[in-house]
Amino acid sequence: MTSVLVTPDGKTMEAEAAHGIDFIAALDDHQELLKFSQDLERACIETVDVSGKMTKDLALALHGNE
């Protein structure tokens, strides 16, 4: 999943959603938002590691289109 993010100076950055949140948090020096994005990323990684469940796009990236 990707999101297109536009920075306050008008430049555009495309990023994966959790990393895009990190980018916005850094731009705005928003520590609560940064913690949220880090917690969200950690929860997603733990879910895949523990249960093996993941989104279709991630499964295709890992295992190919077989």
PDB file of N, CA and C in Angstrom:
ATOM      1  N   MET A   1       0.837  -1.165   0.000  1.00  0.00           N
ATOM      2  CA  MET A   1       0.000   0.000   0.000  1.00  0.00           C
ATOM      3  C   MET A   1       0.888   1.236   0.000  1.00  0.00           C
ATOM      4  N   THR A   2       0.615   2.164  -0.880  1.00  0.00           N
ATOM      5  CA  THR A   2       1.391   3.400  -0.925  1.00  0.00           C
ATOM      6  C   THR A   2       0.455   4.595  -0.812  1.00  0.00           C
ATOM      7  N   SER A   3       1.022   5.665  -0.398  1.00  0.00           N
ATOM      8  CA  SER A   3       0.308   6.928  -0.320  1.00  0.00           C
ATOM      9  C   SER A   3       1.174   7.989  -0.971  1.00  0.00           C
ATOM     10  N   VAL A   4       0.555   8.937  -1.645  1.00  0.00           N
ATOM     11  CA  VAL A   4       1.297  10.071  -2.185  1.00  0.00           C
ATOM     12  C   VAL A   4       1.146  11.203  -1.188  1.00  0.00           C
ATOM     13  N   LEU A   5       2.264  11.666  -0.683  1.00  0.00           N
ATOM     14  CA  LEU A   5       2.264  12.727   0.310  1.00  0.00           C
ATOM     15  C   LEU A   5       2.856  13.990  -0.297  1.00  0.00           C
ATOM     16  N   VAL A   6       2.247  15.126  -0.021  1.00  0.00           N
ATOM     17  CA  VAL A   6       2.758  16.397  -0.512  1.00  0.00           C
ATOM     18  C   VAL A   6       3.284  17.179   0.684  1.00  0.00           C
ATOM     19  N   THR A   7       4.529  17.601   0.591  1.00  0.00           N
ATOM     20  CA  THR A   7       5.162  18.337   1.677  1.00  0.00           C
ATOM     21  C   THR A   7       4.714  19.796   1.669  1.00  0.00           C
ATOM     22  N   PRO A   8       4.868  20.493   2.788  1.00  0.00           N
ATOM     23  CA  PRO A   8       4.427  21.885   2.861  1.00  0.00           C
ATOM     24  C   PRO A   8       5.086  22.796   1.822  1.00  0.00           C
ATOM     25  N   ASP A   9       6.297  22.477   1.380  1.00  0.00           N
ATOM     26  CA  ASP A   9       6.957  23.325   0.390  1.00  0.00           C
ATOM     27  C   ASP A   9       6.557  22.974  -1.042  1.00  0.00           C
ATOM     28  N   GLY A  10       5.588  22.069  -1.203  1.00  0.00           N
ATOM     29  CA  GLY A  10       5.070  21.747  -2.515  1.00  0.00           C
ATOM     30  C   GLY A  10       5.751  20.580  -3.212  1.00  0.00           C
ATOM     31  N   LYS A  11       6.823  20.048  -2.634  1.00  0.00           N
ATOM     32  CA  LYS A  11       7.482  18.880  -3.216  1.00  0.00           C
ATOM     33  C   LYS A  11       6.633  17.656  -2.911  1.00  0.00           C
ATOM     34  N   THR A  12       6.701  16.664  -3.765  1.00  0.00           N
ATOM     35  CA  THR A  12       5.904  15.456  -3.572  1.00  0.00           C
ATOM     36  C   THR A  12       6.808  14.299  -3.222  1.00  0.00           C
ATOM     37  N   MET A  13       6.387  13.479  -2.284  1.00  0.00           N
ATOM     38  CA  MET A  13       7.126  12.281  -1.897  1.00  0.00           C
ATOM     39  C   MET A  13       6.141  11.132  -1.890  1.00  0.00           C
ATOM     40  N   GLU A  14       6.500  10.027  -2.494  1.00  0.00           N
ATOM     41  CA  GLU A  14       5.670   8.836  -2.444  1.00  0.00           C
ATOM     42  C   GLU A  14       6.319   7.873  -1.480  1.00  0.00           C
ATOM     43  N   ALA A  15       5.537   7.310  -0.586  1.00  0.00           N
ATOM     44  CA  ALA A  15       6.108   6.447   0.444  1.00  0.00           C
ATOM     45  C   ALA A  15       5.097   5.408   0.878  1.00  0.00           C
ATOM     46  N   GLU A  16       5.596   4.333   1.426  1.00  0.00           N
ATOM     47  CA  GLU A  16       4.753   3.336   2.076  1.00  0.00           C
ATOM     48  C   GLU A  16       4.081   4.032   3.258  1.00  0.00           C
ATOM     49  N   ALA A  17       2.878   3.632   3.581  1.00  0.00           N
ATOM     50  CA  ALA A  17       2.054   4.383   4.531  1.00  0.00           C
ATOM     51  C   ALA A  17       2.726   4.650   5.871  1.00  0.00           C
ATOM     52  N   ALA A  18       3.237   3.631   6.548  1.00  0.00           N
ATOM     53  CA  ALA A  18       3.846   3.853   7.863  1.00  0.00           C
ATOM     54  C   ALA A  18       5.071   4.759   7.753  1.00  0.00           C
ATOM     55  N   HIS A  19       5.876   4.574   6.710  1.00  0.00           N
ATOM     56  CA  HIS A  19       7.052   5.419   6.550  1.00  0.00           C
ATOM     57  C   HIS A  19       6.650   6.849   6.180  1.00  0.00           C
ATOM     58  N   GLY A  20       5.532   6.987   5.438  1.00  0.00           N
ATOM     59  CA  GLY A  20       5.025   8.319   5.124  1.00  0.00           C
ATOM     60  C   GLY A  20       4.610   9.062   6.368  1.00  0.00           C
ATOM     61  N   ILE A  21       4.000   8.325   7.329  1.00  0.00           N
ATOM     62  CA  ILE A  21       3.622   8.948   8.600  1.00  0.00           C
ATOM     63  C   ILE A  21       4.877   9.388   9.343  1.00  0.00           C
ATOM     64  N   ASP A  22       5.916   8.554   9.328  1.00  0.00           N
ATOM     65  CA  ASP A  22       7.197   8.935   9.945  1.00  0.00           C
ATOM     66  C   ASP A  22       7.715  10.231   9.334  1.00  0.00           C
ATOM     67  N   PHE A  23       7.632  10.335   8.019  1.00  0.00           N
ATOM     68  CA  PHE A  23       8.142  11.510   7.313  1.00  0.00           C
ATOM     69  C   PHE A  23       7.388  12.776   7.745  1.00  0.00           C
ATOM     70  N   ILE A  24       6.066  12.682   7.789  1.00  0.00           N
ATOM     71  CA  ILE A  24       5.257  13.827   8.213  1.00  0.00           C
ATOM     72  C   ILE A  24       5.547  14.171   9.669  1.00  0.00           C
ATOM     73  N   ALA A  25       5.686  13.164  10.523  1.00  0.00           N
ATOM     74  CA  ALA A  25       5.998  13.409  11.933  1.00  0.00           C
ATOM     75  C   ALA A  25       7.330  14.131  12.076  1.00  0.00           C
ATOM     76  N   ALA A  26       8.310  13.751  11.280  1.00  0.00           N
ATOM     77  CA  ALA A  26       9.619  14.405  11.330  1.00  0.00           C
ATOM     78  C   ALA A  26       9.520  15.845  10.826  1.00  0.00           C
ATOM     79  N   LEU A  27       8.773  16.057   9.740  1.00  0.00           N
ATOM     80  CA  LEU A  27       8.607  17.416   9.211  1.00  0.00           C
ATOM     81  C   LEU A  27       7.969  18.342  10.242  1.00  0.00           C
ATOM     82  N   ASP A  28       6.978  17.807  10.940  1.00  0.00           N
ATOM     83  CA  ASP A  28       6.225  18.621  11.896  1.00  0.00           C
ATOM     84  C   ASP A  28       6.782  18.540  13.317  1.00  0.00           C
ATOM     85  N   ASP A  29       7.854  17.749  13.516  1.00  0.00           N
ATOM     86  CA  ASP A  29       8.403  17.513  14.851  1.00  0.00           C
ATOM     87  C   ASP A  29       7.295  17.104  15.816  1.00  0.00           C
ATOM     88  N   HIS A  30       6.512  16.112  15.390  1.00  0.00           N
ATOM     89  CA  HIS A  30       5.333  15.641  16.125  1.00  0.00           C
ATOM     90  C   HIS A  30       5.661  14.280  16.748  1.00  0.00           C
ATOM     91  N   GLN A  31       6.100  14.288  17.984  1.00  0.00           N
ATOM     92  CA  GLN A  31       6.592  13.073  18.637  1.00  0.00           C
ATOM     93  C   GLN A  31       5.500  12.029  18.878  1.00  0.00           C
ATOM     94  N   GLU A  32       4.281  12.455  19.196  1.00  0.00           N
ATOM     95  CA  GLU A  32       3.193  11.492  19.399  1.00  0.00           C
ATOM     96  C   GLU A  32       2.864  10.758  18.100  1.00  0.00           C
ATOM     97  N   LEU A  33       2.864  11.475  16.991  1.00  0.00           N
ATOM     98  CA  LEU A  33       2.604  10.856  15.693  1.00  0.00           C
ATOM     99  C   LEU A  33       3.722   9.891  15.321  1.00  0.00           C
ATOM    100  N   LEU A  34       4.961  10.271  15.606  1.00  0.00           N
ATOM    101  CA  LEU A  34       6.099   9.395  15.336  1.00  0.00           C
ATOM    102  C   LEU A  34       5.977   8.102  16.140  1.00  0.00           C
ATOM    103  N   LYS A  35       5.629   8.201  17.414  1.00  0.00           N
ATOM    104  CA  LYS A  35       5.457   7.006  18.248  1.00  0.00           C
ATOM    105  C   LYS A  35       4.336   6.127  17.698  1.00  0.00           C
ATOM    106  N   PHE A  36       3.223   6.752  17.278  1.00  0.00           N
ATOM    107  CA  PHE A  36       2.111   5.996  16.699  1.00  0.00           C
ATOM    108  C   PHE A  36       2.555   5.221  15.463  1.00  0.00           C
ATOM    109  N   SER A  37       3.279   5.876  14.565  1.00  0.00           N
ATOM    110  CA  SER A  37       3.702   5.201  13.328  1.00  0.00           C
ATOM    111  C   SER A  37       4.671   4.067  13.626  1.00  0.00           C
ATOM    112  N   GLN A  38       5.543   4.256  14.611  1.00  0.00           N
ATOM    113  CA  GLN A  38       6.473   3.188  14.991  1.00  0.00           C
ATOM    114  C   GLN A  38       5.727   2.020  15.621  1.00  0.00           C
ATOM    115  N   ASP A  39       4.738   2.314  16.469  1.00  0.00           N
ATOM    116  CA  ASP A  39       3.911   1.259  17.075  1.00  0.00           C
ATOM    117  C   ASP A  39       3.118   0.516  16.007  1.00  0.00           C
ATOM    118  N   LEU A  40       2.587   1.246  15.029  1.00  0.00           N
ATOM    119  CA  LEU A  40       1.821   0.638  13.938  1.00  0.00           C
ATOM    120  C   LEU A  40       2.704  -0.303  13.118  1.00  0.00           C
ATOM    121  N   GLU A  41       3.898   0.155  12.777  1.00  0.00           N
ATOM    122  CA  GLU A  41       4.809  -0.688  12.000  1.00  0.00           C
ATOM    123  C   GLU A  41       5.200  -1.943  12.787  1.00  0.00           C
ATOM    124  N   ARG A  42       5.480  -1.776  14.074  1.00  0.00           N
ATOM    125  CA  ARG A  42       5.859  -2.922  14.914  1.00  0.00           C
ATOM    126  C   ARG A  42       4.708  -3.930  14.996  1.00  0.00           C
ATOM    127  N   ALA A  43       3.475  -3.437  15.155  1.00  0.00           N
ATOM    128  CA  ALA A  43       2.315  -4.328  15.220  1.00  0.00           C
ATOM    129  C   ALA A  43       2.134  -5.109  13.922  1.00  0.00           C
ATOM    130  N   CYS A  44       2.343  -4.446  12.786  1.00  0.00           N
ATOM    131  CA  CYS A  44       2.222  -5.133  11.490  1.00  0.00           C
ATOM    132  C   CYS A  44       3.274  -6.223  11.342  1.00  0.00           C
ATOM    133  N   ILE A  45       4.500  -5.923  11.717  1.00  0.00           N
ATOM    134  CA  ILE A  45       5.587  -6.900  11.616  1.00  0.00           C
ATOM    135  C   ILE A  45       5.323  -8.081  12.536  1.00  0.00           C
ATOM    136  N   GLU A  46       4.889  -7.809  13.769  1.00  0.00           N
ATOM    137  CA  GLU A  46       4.603  -8.893  14.720  1.00  0.00           C
ATOM    138  C   GLU A  46       3.456  -9.772  14.233  1.00  0.00           C
ATOM    139  N   THR A  47       2.451  -9.163  13.612  1.00  0.00           N
ATOM    140  CA  THR A  47       1.321  -9.938  13.092  1.00  0.00           C
ATOM    141  C   THR A  47       1.794 -10.917  12.029  1.00  0.00           C
ATOM    142  N   VAL A  48       2.626 -10.464  11.111  1.00  0.00           N
ATOM    143  CA  VAL A  48       3.141 -11.343  10.061  1.00  0.00           C
ATOM    144  C   VAL A  48       4.037 -12.419  10.664  1.00  0.00           C
ATOM    145  N   ASP A  49       4.921 -12.026  11.579  1.00  0.00           N
ATOM    146  CA  ASP A  49       5.850 -12.982  12.187  1.00  0.00           C
ATOM    147  C   ASP A  49       5.135 -14.061  12.983  1.00  0.00           C
ATOM    148  N   VAL A  50       4.115 -13.679  13.752  1.00  0.00           N
ATOM    149  CA  VAL A  50       3.435 -14.624  14.642  1.00  0.00           C
ATOM    150  C   VAL A  50       2.405 -15.464  13.900  1.00  0.00           C
ATOM    151  N   SER A  51       1.566 -14.815  13.084  1.00  0.00           N
ATOM    152  CA  SER A  51       0.450 -15.539  12.472  1.00  0.00           C
ATOM    153  C   SER A  51       0.698 -15.922  11.023  1.00  0.00           C
ATOM    154  N   GLY A  52       1.642 -15.248  10.380  1.00  0.00           N
ATOM    155  CA  GLY A  52       1.868 -15.487   8.964  1.00  0.00           C
ATOM    156  C   GLY A  52       0.832 -14.816   8.082  1.00  0.00           C
ATOM    157  N   LYS A  53      -0.105 -14.070   8.667  1.00  0.00           N
ATOM    158  CA  LYS A  53      -1.141 -13.387   7.895  1.00  0.00           C
ATOM    159  C   LYS A  53      -0.594 -12.065   7.392  1.00  0.00           C
ATOM    160  N   MET A  54      -0.913 -11.763   6.126  1.00  0.00           N
ATOM    161  CA  MET A  54      -0.425 -10.522   5.526  1.00  0.00           C
ATOM    162  C   MET A  54      -1.337 -10.116   4.385  1.00  0.00           C
ATOM    163  N   THR A  55      -1.148  -8.906   3.903  1.00  0.00           N
ATOM    164  CA  THR A  55      -1.936  -8.419   2.784  1.00  0.00           C
ATOM    165  C   THR A  55      -1.460  -9.084   1.490  1.00  0.00           C
ATOM    166  N   LYS A  56      -2.318  -9.065   0.483  1.00  0.00           N
ATOM    167  CA  LYS A  56      -2.005  -9.714  -0.784  1.00  0.00           C
ATOM    168  C   LYS A  56      -0.766  -9.106  -1.442  1.00  0.00           C
ATOM    169  N   ASP A  57      -0.627  -7.776  -1.384  1.00  0.00           N
ATOM    170  CA  ASP A  57       0.523  -7.142  -2.026  1.00  0.00           C
ATOM    171  C   ASP A  57       1.828  -7.568  -1.369  1.00  0.00           C
ATOM    172  N   LEU A  58       1.831  -7.735  -0.050  1.00  0.00           N
ATOM    173  CA  LEU A  58       3.027  -8.191   0.650  1.00  0.00           C
ATOM    174  C   LEU A  58       3.318  -9.652   0.330  1.00  0.00           C
ATOM    175  N   ALA A  59       2.281 -10.474   0.289  1.00  0.00           N
ATOM    176  CA  ALA A  59       2.463 -11.888  -0.051  1.00  0.00           C
ATOM    177  C   ALA A  59       3.051 -12.043  -1.452  1.00  0.00           C
ATOM    178  N   LEU A  60       2.562 -11.250  -2.405  1.00  0.00           N
ATOM    179  CA  LEU A  60       3.102 -11.310  -3.765  1.00  0.00           C
ATOM    180  C   LEU A  60       4.550 -10.841  -3.805  1.00  0.00           C
ATOM    181  N   ALA A  61       4.883  -9.832  -3.017  1.00  0.00           N
ATOM    182  CA  ALA A  61       6.261  -9.339  -2.975  1.00  0.00           C
ATOM    183  C   ALA A  61       7.194 -10.399  -2.390  1.00  0.00           C
ATOM    184  N   LEU A  62       6.710 -11.128  -1.402  1.00  0.00           N
ATOM    185  CA  LEU A  62       7.540 -12.142  -0.751  1.00  0.00           C
ATOM    186  C   LEU A  62       7.616 -13.458  -1.525  1.00  0.00           C
ATOM    187  N   HIS A  63       6.473 -13.873  -2.090  1.00  0.00           N
ATOM    188  CA  HIS A  63       6.398 -15.211  -2.677  1.00  0.00           C
ATOM    189  C   HIS A  63       6.245 -15.225  -4.187  1.00  0.00           C
ATOM    190  N   GLY A  64       6.059 -14.073  -4.798  1.00  0.00           N
ATOM    191  CA  GLY A  64       5.866 -14.019  -6.238  1.00  0.00           C
ATOM    192  C   GLY A  64       4.445 -14.361  -6.617  1.00  0.00           C
ATOM    193  N   ASN A  65       4.169 -14.351  -7.882  1.00  0.00           N
ATOM    194  CA  ASN A  65       2.814 -14.580  -8.403  1.00  0.00           C
ATOM    195  C   ASN A  65       2.682 -16.005  -8.897  1.00  0.00           C
ATOM    196  N   GLU A  66       2.888 -16.949  -8.000  1.00  0.00           N
ATOM    197  CA  GLU A  66       2.836 -18.378  -8.381  1.00  0.00           C
ATOM    198  C   GLU A  66       1.523 -19.000  -8.069  1.00  0.00           C
TER     199      GLU A  66
END
